[in-house]
């Protein structure tokens, strides 16, 4: 079981190119610094295949000394035509396959997916019945301590 699950949104991006903009790069640098305080190394990063998320994952991997690999999971992308149940199962499977010796898993995703998966994970893992609303902005993350269910949002 993963010790720390971090559900992060990609950085700010240029809607014309789909690439991270200067604010997005700066935001991810700050987020990576914050993650160093929470994550138990080594870290596995699983990302949406959408360009801004891939760029976020690659930059984060270069900034986290214990990032061992970057994987892609199409279920982390916005607009994927799957039910919430199927999406959550696909993400669970990606996390389970990636964990091995990882101390932390970082999911790089998008607004609605981040919110839905976070609530699903808290219900499934800790039996929390009441959905919580965590606003996760660009280059922000929800950090879940998988041992006790404590959640914080960081940027």
N, C-alpha and C. Protein backbone atom coordinates (compact mmCIF):
# COMPACT_ATOMS: atom_id res chain seq x y z
N UNK A 1 0.84 -1.19 0.00
CA UNK A 1 0.00 0.00 0.00
C UNK A 1 0.87 1.24 0.00
N UNK A 2 0.49 2.19 -0.81
CA UNK A 2 1.22 3.44 -0.88
C UNK A 2 1.08 4.19 0.45
N UNK A 3 2.15 4.85 0.88
CA UNK A 3 2.11 5.59 2.14
C UNK A 3 1.54 6.99 1.96
N UNK A 4 1.81 7.60 0.81
CA UNK A 4 1.31 8.94 0.53
C UNK A 4 0.79 8.97 -0.90
N UNK A 5 -0.45 9.42 -1.04
CA UNK A 5 -1.03 9.62 -2.36
C UNK A 5 -1.20 11.11 -2.57
N UNK A 6 -0.64 11.61 -3.65
CA UNK A 6 -0.70 13.03 -3.97
C UNK A 6 -1.46 13.18 -5.28
N UNK A 7 -2.58 13.89 -5.22
CA UNK A 7 -3.40 14.11 -6.41
C UNK A 7 -3.22 15.57 -6.81
N UNK A 8 -2.52 15.78 -7.93
CA UNK A 8 -2.13 17.13 -8.33
C UNK A 8 -2.75 17.53 -9.66
N UNK A 9 -2.99 18.81 -9.81
CA UNK A 9 -3.40 19.36 -11.10
C UNK A 9 -2.16 19.87 -11.83
N UNK A 10 -2.22 19.80 -13.12
CA UNK A 10 -1.15 20.33 -13.97
C UNK A 10 -1.00 21.83 -13.73
N UNK A 11 0.09 22.38 -14.21
CA UNK A 11 0.33 23.81 -14.08
C UNK A 11 -0.47 24.62 -15.09
N UNK A 12 -0.45 25.97 -14.91
CA UNK A 12 -1.08 26.88 -15.86
C UNK A 12 -0.50 26.61 -17.26
N UNK A 13 -1.34 26.82 -18.26
CA UNK A 13 -0.88 26.51 -19.62
C UNK A 13 -1.44 27.51 -20.62
N UNK A 14 -0.82 27.54 -21.78
CA UNK A 14 -1.28 28.37 -22.88
C UNK A 14 -2.34 27.57 -23.64
N UNK A 15 -3.59 28.05 -23.68
CA UNK A 15 -4.64 27.28 -24.33
C UNK A 15 -4.44 27.13 -25.84
N UNK A 16 -3.63 28.00 -26.44
CA UNK A 16 -3.38 27.89 -27.88
C UNK A 16 -2.41 26.77 -28.21
N UNK A 17 -1.42 26.56 -27.34
CA UNK A 17 -0.41 25.53 -27.62
C UNK A 17 -0.59 24.27 -26.78
N UNK A 18 -1.27 24.40 -25.64
CA UNK A 18 -1.42 23.27 -24.73
C UNK A 18 -0.22 23.06 -23.83
N UNK A 19 0.82 23.86 -24.00
CA UNK A 19 2.05 23.73 -23.21
C UNK A 19 1.98 24.57 -21.94
N UNK A 20 2.74 24.17 -20.95
CA UNK A 20 2.84 24.97 -19.73
C UNK A 20 3.37 26.35 -20.09
N UNK A 21 2.82 27.37 -19.44
CA UNK A 21 3.36 28.71 -19.63
C UNK A 21 4.34 29.00 -18.49
N UNK A 22 4.89 30.21 -18.45
CA UNK A 22 5.89 30.54 -17.42
C UNK A 22 5.32 30.41 -16.01
N UNK A 23 4.08 30.85 -15.82
CA UNK A 23 3.44 30.70 -14.51
C UNK A 23 3.28 29.23 -14.15
N UNK A 24 2.94 28.41 -15.14
CA UNK A 24 2.78 26.97 -14.90
C UNK A 24 4.08 26.32 -14.47
N UNK A 25 5.17 26.68 -15.13
CA UNK A 25 6.49 26.13 -14.77
C UNK A 25 6.86 26.57 -13.35
N UNK A 26 6.67 27.84 -13.04
CA UNK A 26 6.98 28.34 -11.69
C UNK A 26 6.11 27.65 -10.64
N UNK A 27 4.83 27.48 -10.95
CA UNK A 27 3.93 26.81 -10.01
C UNK A 27 4.34 25.36 -9.74
N UNK A 28 4.75 24.65 -10.78
CA UNK A 28 5.18 23.26 -10.59
C UNK A 28 6.49 23.19 -9.82
N UNK A 29 7.36 24.13 -10.04
CA UNK A 29 8.60 24.18 -9.24
C UNK A 29 8.26 24.34 -7.75
N UNK A 30 7.32 25.25 -7.45
CA UNK A 30 6.90 25.44 -6.05
C UNK A 30 6.22 24.19 -5.50
N UNK A 31 5.37 23.57 -6.32
CA UNK A 31 4.68 22.35 -5.87
C UNK A 31 5.68 21.23 -5.60
N UNK A 32 6.66 21.07 -6.45
CA UNK A 32 7.67 20.03 -6.24
C UNK A 32 8.42 20.27 -4.92
N UNK A 33 8.74 21.53 -4.64
CA UNK A 33 9.39 21.84 -3.35
C UNK A 33 8.49 21.45 -2.18
N UNK A 34 7.19 21.73 -2.29
CA UNK A 34 6.26 21.37 -1.22
C UNK A 34 6.14 19.86 -1.09
N UNK A 35 6.10 19.15 -2.21
CA UNK A 35 5.95 17.69 -2.17
C UNK A 35 7.14 17.04 -1.47
N UNK A 36 8.31 17.62 -1.60
CA UNK A 36 9.50 17.08 -0.93
C UNK A 36 9.27 16.99 0.58
N UNK A 37 8.43 17.86 1.14
CA UNK A 37 8.15 17.84 2.57
C UNK A 37 7.16 16.75 2.97
N UNK A 38 6.37 16.24 2.01
CA UNK A 38 5.33 15.27 2.32
C UNK A 38 5.64 13.87 1.84
N UNK A 39 6.32 13.75 0.74
CA UNK A 39 6.46 12.47 0.07
C UNK A 39 7.59 11.65 0.67
N UNK A 40 7.30 10.38 0.86
CA UNK A 40 8.32 9.42 1.24
C UNK A 40 8.91 8.89 -0.05
N UNK A 41 10.21 8.96 -0.17
CA UNK A 41 10.86 8.53 -1.40
C UNK A 41 11.00 7.01 -1.40
N UNK A 42 11.02 6.39 -2.56
CA UNK A 42 10.96 6.95 -3.90
C UNK A 42 9.54 7.30 -4.31
N UNK A 43 9.43 8.10 -5.37
CA UNK A 43 8.15 8.60 -5.86
C UNK A 43 7.90 8.04 -7.26
N UNK A 44 6.67 7.60 -7.50
CA UNK A 44 6.22 7.24 -8.83
C UNK A 44 5.21 8.30 -9.25
N UNK A 45 5.33 8.79 -10.47
CA UNK A 45 4.41 9.79 -11.00
C UNK A 45 3.58 9.13 -12.10
N UNK A 46 2.26 9.25 -11.97
CA UNK A 46 1.35 8.74 -13.00
C UNK A 46 0.59 9.94 -13.54
N UNK A 47 0.61 10.10 -14.86
CA UNK A 47 0.07 11.31 -15.46
C UNK A 47 -1.00 11.04 -16.51
N UNK A 48 -1.86 12.01 -16.67
CA UNK A 48 -2.77 12.07 -17.81
C UNK A 48 -1.90 12.18 -19.06
N UNK A 49 -2.36 11.63 -20.18
CA UNK A 49 -1.58 11.76 -21.41
C UNK A 49 -1.70 13.12 -22.10
N UNK A 50 -2.54 14.01 -21.58
CA UNK A 50 -2.70 15.33 -22.19
C UNK A 50 -1.41 16.14 -21.99
N UNK A 51 -1.02 16.88 -23.00
CA UNK A 51 0.29 17.55 -23.05
C UNK A 51 0.63 18.33 -21.79
N UNK A 52 -0.27 19.18 -21.30
CA UNK A 52 0.06 20.01 -20.13
C UNK A 52 0.32 19.15 -18.90
N UNK A 53 -0.36 18.02 -18.78
CA UNK A 53 -0.12 17.11 -17.66
C UNK A 53 1.21 16.37 -17.84
N UNK A 54 1.49 15.92 -19.06
CA UNK A 54 2.78 15.23 -19.31
C UNK A 54 3.95 16.16 -19.02
N UNK A 55 3.83 17.42 -19.47
CA UNK A 55 4.91 18.38 -19.20
C UNK A 55 5.06 18.62 -17.70
N UNK A 56 3.95 18.69 -16.99
CA UNK A 56 3.99 18.84 -15.53
C UNK A 56 4.72 17.66 -14.91
N UNK A 57 4.37 16.45 -15.32
CA UNK A 57 4.98 15.23 -14.76
C UNK A 57 6.48 15.18 -15.05
N UNK A 58 6.87 15.50 -16.27
CA UNK A 58 8.29 15.47 -16.62
C UNK A 58 9.09 16.49 -15.82
N UNK A 59 8.53 17.69 -15.68
CA UNK A 59 9.22 18.72 -14.89
C UNK A 59 9.30 18.29 -13.44
N UNK A 60 8.20 17.79 -12.89
CA UNK A 60 8.20 17.36 -11.49
C UNK A 60 9.22 16.23 -11.27
N UNK A 61 9.27 15.29 -12.18
CA UNK A 61 10.23 14.18 -12.05
C UNK A 61 11.67 14.69 -12.03
N UNK A 62 11.94 15.73 -12.80
CA UNK A 62 13.30 16.28 -12.83
C UNK A 62 13.64 17.02 -11.54
N UNK A 63 12.61 17.43 -10.79
CA UNK A 63 12.82 18.22 -9.57
C UNK A 63 12.77 17.38 -8.29
N UNK A 64 12.19 16.19 -8.36
CA UNK A 64 12.09 15.33 -7.18
C UNK A 64 13.22 14.31 -7.23
N UNK A 65 14.12 14.34 -6.26
CA UNK A 65 15.30 13.47 -6.32
C UNK A 65 14.95 11.98 -6.28
N UNK A 66 13.80 11.63 -5.74
CA UNK A 66 13.45 10.22 -5.64
C UNK A 66 12.43 9.77 -6.65
N UNK A 67 12.18 10.58 -7.69
CA UNK A 67 11.19 10.18 -8.71
C UNK A 67 11.81 9.08 -9.56
N UNK A 68 11.24 7.90 -9.46
CA UNK A 68 11.85 6.77 -10.16
C UNK A 68 11.29 6.54 -11.55
N UNK A 69 10.04 6.92 -11.77
CA UNK A 69 9.49 6.74 -13.11
C UNK A 69 8.24 7.59 -13.30
N UNK A 70 7.96 7.85 -14.57
CA UNK A 70 6.75 8.56 -14.97
C UNK A 70 5.95 7.63 -15.86
N UNK A 71 4.72 7.36 -15.47
CA UNK A 71 3.84 6.48 -16.22
C UNK A 71 2.63 7.28 -16.69
N UNK A 72 1.94 6.78 -17.72
CA UNK A 72 0.72 7.43 -18.18
C UNK A 72 -0.48 6.55 -17.91
N UNK A 73 -1.61 7.20 -17.63
CA UNK A 73 -2.88 6.52 -17.43
C UNK A 73 -3.96 7.35 -18.11
N UNK A 74 -4.56 6.82 -19.17
CA UNK A 74 -5.55 7.59 -19.92
C UNK A 74 -6.77 7.97 -19.08
N UNK A 75 -7.05 7.21 -18.02
CA UNK A 75 -8.20 7.51 -17.17
C UNK A 75 -8.03 8.82 -16.39
N UNK A 76 -6.81 9.33 -16.31
CA UNK A 76 -6.56 10.60 -15.62
C UNK A 76 -6.87 11.81 -16.50
N UNK A 77 -7.17 11.57 -17.78
CA UNK A 77 -7.44 12.67 -18.71
C UNK A 77 -8.88 13.14 -18.60
N UNK A 78 -9.09 14.43 -18.82
CA UNK A 78 -10.44 14.97 -18.96
C UNK A 78 -11.04 14.47 -20.26
N UNK A 79 -12.34 14.28 -20.27
CA UNK A 79 -13.03 13.96 -21.50
C UNK A 79 -12.98 12.51 -21.92
N UNK A 80 -12.43 11.64 -21.10
CA UNK A 80 -12.41 10.21 -21.43
C UNK A 80 -13.81 9.67 -21.23
N UNK A 81 -14.31 8.96 -22.22
CA UNK A 81 -15.68 8.44 -22.17
C UNK A 81 -15.75 7.12 -21.41
N UNK A 82 -15.65 7.21 -20.09
CA UNK A 82 -15.83 6.05 -19.22
C UNK A 82 -16.66 6.48 -18.02
N UNK A 83 -17.33 5.52 -17.40
CA UNK A 83 -18.09 5.84 -16.20
C UNK A 83 -17.13 6.17 -15.06
N UNK A 84 -17.63 6.84 -14.04
CA UNK A 84 -16.80 7.14 -12.87
C UNK A 84 -16.27 5.87 -12.25
N UNK A 85 -17.12 4.83 -12.20
CA UNK A 85 -16.70 3.55 -11.61
C UNK A 85 -15.54 2.96 -12.40
N UNK A 86 -15.66 2.95 -13.72
CA UNK A 86 -14.58 2.40 -14.55
C UNK A 86 -13.33 3.26 -14.45
N UNK A 87 -13.51 4.59 -14.45
CA UNK A 87 -12.35 5.48 -14.34
C UNK A 87 -11.60 5.22 -13.04
N UNK A 88 -12.34 5.15 -11.93
CA UNK A 88 -11.69 4.90 -10.64
C UNK A 88 -10.97 3.56 -10.61
N UNK A 89 -11.58 2.54 -11.21
CA UNK A 89 -10.94 1.21 -11.25
C UNK A 89 -9.65 1.26 -12.07
N UNK A 90 -9.67 1.98 -13.18
CA UNK A 90 -8.46 2.10 -14.01
C UNK A 90 -7.36 2.84 -13.27
N UNK A 91 -7.71 3.91 -12.55
CA UNK A 91 -6.71 4.65 -11.79
C UNK A 91 -6.19 3.78 -10.64
N UNK A 92 -7.08 3.09 -9.92
CA UNK A 92 -6.65 2.17 -8.85
C UNK A 92 -5.65 1.15 -9.38
N UNK A 93 -5.95 0.60 -10.55
CA UNK A 93 -5.08 -0.40 -11.15
C UNK A 93 -3.71 0.19 -11.49
N UNK A 94 -3.70 1.39 -12.03
CA UNK A 94 -2.43 2.05 -12.35
C UNK A 94 -1.61 2.30 -11.09
N UNK A 95 -2.28 2.74 -10.01
CA UNK A 95 -1.57 2.97 -8.74
C UNK A 95 -1.04 1.66 -8.19
N UNK A 96 -1.87 0.61 -8.18
CA UNK A 96 -1.44 -0.69 -7.64
C UNK A 96 -0.26 -1.24 -8.40
N UNK A 97 -0.27 -1.10 -9.72
CA UNK A 97 0.83 -1.61 -10.53
C UNK A 97 2.10 -0.80 -10.39
N UNK A 98 1.97 0.46 -10.03
CA UNK A 98 3.13 1.34 -9.92
C UNK A 98 3.77 1.31 -8.55
N UNK A 99 3.00 0.95 -7.54
CA UNK A 99 3.46 1.14 -6.17
C UNK A 99 4.75 0.37 -5.85
N UNK A 100 4.76 -0.92 -6.02
CA UNK A 100 5.92 -1.75 -5.72
C UNK A 100 6.64 -1.22 -4.48
N UNK A 101 7.75 -0.53 -4.68
CA UNK A 101 8.53 -0.01 -3.55
C UNK A 101 8.35 1.48 -3.35
N UNK A 102 7.37 2.07 -4.00
CA UNK A 102 7.21 3.53 -3.91
C UNK A 102 6.70 3.93 -2.53
N UNK A 103 7.24 5.01 -2.03
CA UNK A 103 6.72 5.58 -0.80
C UNK A 103 5.59 6.53 -1.08
N UNK A 104 5.59 7.11 -2.28
CA UNK A 104 4.54 8.06 -2.65
C UNK A 104 4.21 7.89 -4.12
N UNK A 105 2.94 8.10 -4.42
CA UNK A 105 2.48 8.14 -5.81
C UNK A 105 1.88 9.51 -6.04
N UNK A 106 2.31 10.16 -7.11
CA UNK A 106 1.78 11.46 -7.51
C UNK A 106 0.95 11.24 -8.77
N UNK A 107 -0.33 11.60 -8.72
CA UNK A 107 -1.19 11.55 -9.89
C UNK A 107 -1.29 12.97 -10.45
N UNK A 108 -0.96 13.14 -11.72
CA UNK A 108 -1.08 14.44 -12.37
C UNK A 108 -2.33 14.37 -13.25
N UNK A 109 -3.31 15.21 -12.94
CA UNK A 109 -4.59 15.11 -13.63
C UNK A 109 -5.21 16.48 -13.80
N UNK A 110 -6.52 16.51 -13.95
CA UNK A 110 -7.28 17.71 -14.26
C UNK A 110 -8.36 17.91 -13.20
N UNK A 111 -8.99 19.07 -13.21
CA UNK A 111 -9.88 19.51 -12.15
C UNK A 111 -10.92 18.48 -11.72
N UNK A 112 -11.83 18.12 -12.58
CA UNK A 112 -12.93 17.23 -12.20
C UNK A 112 -12.43 15.84 -11.82
N UNK A 113 -11.46 15.33 -12.56
CA UNK A 113 -10.92 14.00 -12.26
C UNK A 113 -10.27 14.01 -10.88
N UNK A 114 -9.52 15.06 -10.56
CA UNK A 114 -8.87 15.15 -9.25
C UNK A 114 -9.90 15.12 -8.14
N UNK A 115 -10.95 15.91 -8.27
CA UNK A 115 -11.99 15.98 -7.25
C UNK A 115 -12.70 14.63 -7.09
N UNK A 116 -13.11 14.03 -8.19
CA UNK A 116 -13.85 12.76 -8.13
C UNK A 116 -12.99 11.64 -7.56
N UNK A 117 -11.74 11.54 -8.02
CA UNK A 117 -10.92 10.43 -7.53
C UNK A 117 -10.56 10.61 -6.07
N UNK A 118 -10.29 11.83 -5.64
CA UNK A 118 -9.98 12.08 -4.24
C UNK A 118 -11.13 11.62 -3.35
N UNK A 119 -12.35 12.01 -3.67
CA UNK A 119 -13.50 11.60 -2.87
C UNK A 119 -13.71 10.09 -2.90
N UNK A 120 -13.56 9.50 -4.06
CA UNK A 120 -13.67 8.03 -4.17
C UNK A 120 -12.62 7.35 -3.29
N UNK A 121 -11.38 7.80 -3.38
CA UNK A 121 -10.28 7.18 -2.62
C UNK A 121 -10.54 7.29 -1.12
N UNK A 122 -11.00 8.44 -0.66
CA UNK A 122 -11.27 8.62 0.77
C UNK A 122 -12.43 7.73 1.23
N UNK A 123 -13.46 7.58 0.39
CA UNK A 123 -14.58 6.69 0.74
C UNK A 123 -14.12 5.23 0.79
N UNK A 124 -13.41 4.80 -0.25
CA UNK A 124 -12.99 3.40 -0.35
C UNK A 124 -11.96 3.04 0.72
N UNK A 125 -11.00 3.88 0.93
CA UNK A 125 -9.88 3.54 1.81
C UNK A 125 -10.20 3.76 3.28
N UNK A 126 -10.96 4.82 3.58
CA UNK A 126 -11.19 5.18 4.98
C UNK A 126 -12.65 5.17 5.39
N UNK A 127 -13.53 4.81 4.47
CA UNK A 127 -14.96 4.73 4.79
C UNK A 127 -15.62 6.07 5.03
N UNK A 128 -15.04 7.13 4.50
CA UNK A 128 -15.65 8.45 4.67
C UNK A 128 -16.83 8.57 3.72
N UNK A 129 -18.03 8.68 4.28
CA UNK A 129 -19.24 8.70 3.47
C UNK A 129 -19.60 10.07 2.92
N UNK A 130 -19.09 11.10 3.52
CA UNK A 130 -19.48 12.44 3.12
C UNK A 130 -18.46 13.00 2.14
N UNK A 131 -18.90 13.22 0.90
CA UNK A 131 -17.95 13.80 -0.06
C UNK A 131 -17.44 15.14 0.45
N UNK A 132 -16.19 15.37 0.21
CA UNK A 132 -15.58 16.62 0.63
C UNK A 132 -15.21 17.41 -0.62
N UNK A 133 -15.26 18.70 -0.50
CA UNK A 133 -14.87 19.50 -1.65
C UNK A 133 -13.54 20.17 -1.35
N UNK A 134 -12.54 19.72 -2.03
CA UNK A 134 -11.23 20.34 -1.94
C UNK A 134 -11.00 21.06 -3.25
N UNK A 135 -10.80 22.33 -3.19
CA UNK A 135 -10.50 23.09 -4.40
C UNK A 135 -9.02 22.91 -4.70
N UNK A 136 -8.73 22.26 -5.80
CA UNK A 136 -7.35 22.02 -6.20
C UNK A 136 -7.11 22.85 -7.46
N UNK A 137 -6.37 23.93 -7.32
CA UNK A 137 -6.10 24.82 -8.45
C UNK A 137 -4.93 24.34 -9.27
N UNK A 138 -4.61 25.11 -10.30
CA UNK A 138 -3.43 24.79 -11.10
C UNK A 138 -2.21 24.70 -10.20
N UNK A 139 -1.39 23.68 -10.43
CA UNK A 139 -0.14 23.48 -9.69
C UNK A 139 -0.37 23.36 -8.18
N UNK A 140 -1.51 22.80 -7.81
CA UNK A 140 -1.81 22.48 -6.41
C UNK A 140 -2.08 21.00 -6.29
N UNK A 141 -2.03 20.50 -5.06
CA UNK A 141 -2.23 19.07 -4.86
C UNK A 141 -2.92 18.79 -3.54
N UNK A 142 -3.68 17.71 -3.51
CA UNK A 142 -4.20 17.15 -2.26
C UNK A 142 -3.23 16.05 -1.86
N UNK A 143 -2.78 16.11 -0.63
CA UNK A 143 -1.83 15.12 -0.12
C UNK A 143 -2.57 14.27 0.90
N UNK A 144 -2.64 12.96 0.64
CA UNK A 144 -3.37 12.05 1.52
C UNK A 144 -2.37 11.13 2.21
N UNK A 145 -2.39 11.17 3.54
CA UNK A 145 -1.60 10.21 4.32
C UNK A 145 -2.39 8.91 4.31
N UNK A 146 -1.89 7.90 3.63
CA UNK A 146 -2.63 6.66 3.43
C UNK A 146 -2.75 5.82 4.70
N UNK A 147 -2.04 6.19 5.74
CA UNK A 147 -2.16 5.45 7.00
C UNK A 147 -3.34 5.91 7.82
N UNK A 148 -3.64 7.21 7.80
CA UNK A 148 -4.71 7.71 8.69
C UNK A 148 -5.75 8.58 7.99
N UNK A 149 -5.60 8.81 6.69
CA UNK A 149 -6.60 9.57 5.96
C UNK A 149 -6.54 11.07 6.08
N UNK A 150 -5.51 11.59 6.75
CA UNK A 150 -5.39 13.05 6.82
C UNK A 150 -5.14 13.59 5.42
N UNK A 151 -5.81 14.70 5.11
CA UNK A 151 -5.70 15.31 3.80
C UNK A 151 -5.34 16.78 3.96
N UNK A 152 -4.44 17.24 3.14
CA UNK A 152 -4.11 18.66 3.10
C UNK A 152 -3.98 19.07 1.65
N UNK A 153 -4.18 20.34 1.38
CA UNK A 153 -3.98 20.86 0.03
C UNK A 153 -2.75 21.77 0.08
N UNK A 154 -1.86 21.59 -0.89
CA UNK A 154 -0.62 22.35 -0.91
C UNK A 154 -0.35 22.88 -2.30
N UNK A 155 0.46 23.92 -2.36
CA UNK A 155 0.90 24.45 -3.65
C UNK A 155 2.32 24.94 -3.53
